[in-house]
Protein backbone atom coordinates (compact mmCIF):
# COMPACT_ATOMS: atom_id res chain seq x y z
CA MET A 1 122.36 12.51 -25.40
CA THR A 2 124.02 9.49 -25.41
CA THR A 3 124.42 7.40 -28.46
CA VAL A 4 123.24 4.32 -29.10
CA GLU A 5 124.10 1.05 -31.17
CA LEU A 6 121.53 -1.14 -33.26
CA ASP A 7 121.65 -4.20 -35.09
CA ASN A 8 119.84 -3.77 -38.85
CA GLU A 9 116.92 -5.70 -37.61
CA THR A 10 116.47 -3.53 -34.28
CA THR A 11 116.66 0.18 -36.59
CA ALA A 12 114.00 -1.92 -38.82
CA LEU A 13 111.62 -2.64 -36.84
CA LEU A 14 111.29 0.11 -34.41
CA ALA A 15 111.47 2.32 -38.32
CA GLU A 16 108.05 0.37 -38.59
CA MET A 17 106.57 0.85 -35.57
CA ALA A 18 107.46 4.60 -36.04
CA GLU A 19 106.24 5.62 -38.39
CA GLN A 20 102.99 3.80 -38.29
CA GLU A 21 102.66 5.43 -35.10
CA HIS A 22 103.55 8.40 -36.64
CA THR A 23 106.37 9.24 -34.60
CA THR A 24 109.73 10.52 -34.74
CA LEU A 25 112.30 7.37 -33.90
CA ALA A 26 113.99 8.97 -30.91
CA GLN A 27 111.21 9.63 -29.88
CA LEU A 28 109.70 6.18 -30.19
CA ALA A 29 113.19 4.65 -28.98
CA ASN A 30 113.09 7.15 -25.67
CA ARG A 31 109.52 6.33 -24.68
CA LEU A 32 110.21 2.98 -24.75
CA LEU A 33 113.62 2.58 -23.04
CA THR A 34 111.34 5.14 -20.01
CA GLU A 35 108.47 2.43 -20.23
CA CYS A 36 110.84 -0.66 -20.07
CA LEU A 37 113.03 1.51 -17.16
CA GLU A 38 110.13 2.23 -15.99
CA ASP A 39 109.49 -1.38 -15.08
CA TRP A 40 112.55 -2.44 -14.58
CA GLN A 41 111.93 -0.22 -11.33
CA ASP A 42 109.02 -1.29 -10.76
CA ALA A 43 110.19 -5.06 -10.24
CA ARG A 44 113.30 -4.28 -7.86
CA ALA A 45 110.59 -2.40 -5.57
CA ALA A 46 107.91 -5.33 -5.77
CA ASP A 47 111.62 -7.23 -5.07
CA GLU A 48 112.14 -4.99 -2.31
CA ALA A 49 108.85 -5.54 -0.13
CA LEU A 50 108.78 -9.44 -0.05
CA ALA A 51 111.96 -9.29 0.56
CA LYS A 52 111.16 -7.13 3.67
CA LEU A 53 108.19 -9.31 4.02
CA GLN A 54 109.23 -12.11 3.11
CA SER A 55 112.47 -11.26 6.49
CA GLY A 56 109.84 -11.03 8.65
CA ASN A 57 110.22 -6.81 8.93
CA SER A 58 107.01 -5.54 7.12
CA THR A 59 103.32 -7.30 8.21
CA LEU A 60 100.86 -7.49 5.39
CA LEU A 61 97.37 -6.05 6.16
CA GLU A 62 93.20 -7.70 6.35
CA TRP A 63 91.63 -6.24 2.36
CA GLY A 64 88.84 -5.92 4.26
CA LYS A 65 90.36 -3.01 6.60
CA VAL A 66 92.68 -1.72 3.69
CA LYS A 67 89.32 -1.33 1.75
CA ALA A 68 87.28 0.35 5.10
CA GLY A 69 89.84 2.61 5.29
CA LEU A 70 89.55 3.84 1.28
CA TYR A 71 86.02 4.24 1.71
CA ASP A 72 86.84 6.51 4.61
CA VAL A 73 89.22 8.44 2.28
CA ASP A 74 86.62 8.97 -0.51
CA SER A 75 84.04 10.81 2.36
């Protein structure tokens, strides 16, 4: 468990949101932090993939071939 100190304005906004969503402040804060961290991880992975592509260590696939491969998986 971790304790986080928030300013009064942030606490008030979180409390208002928690009340509106019928959840506790702790549950809401946990959900929001998790969503933010997942977005951060996705952005980091995208940055790494772009850097790999720009360095020439990766290749792009033609969308038509990718799409055709997706249909092959379904059948």
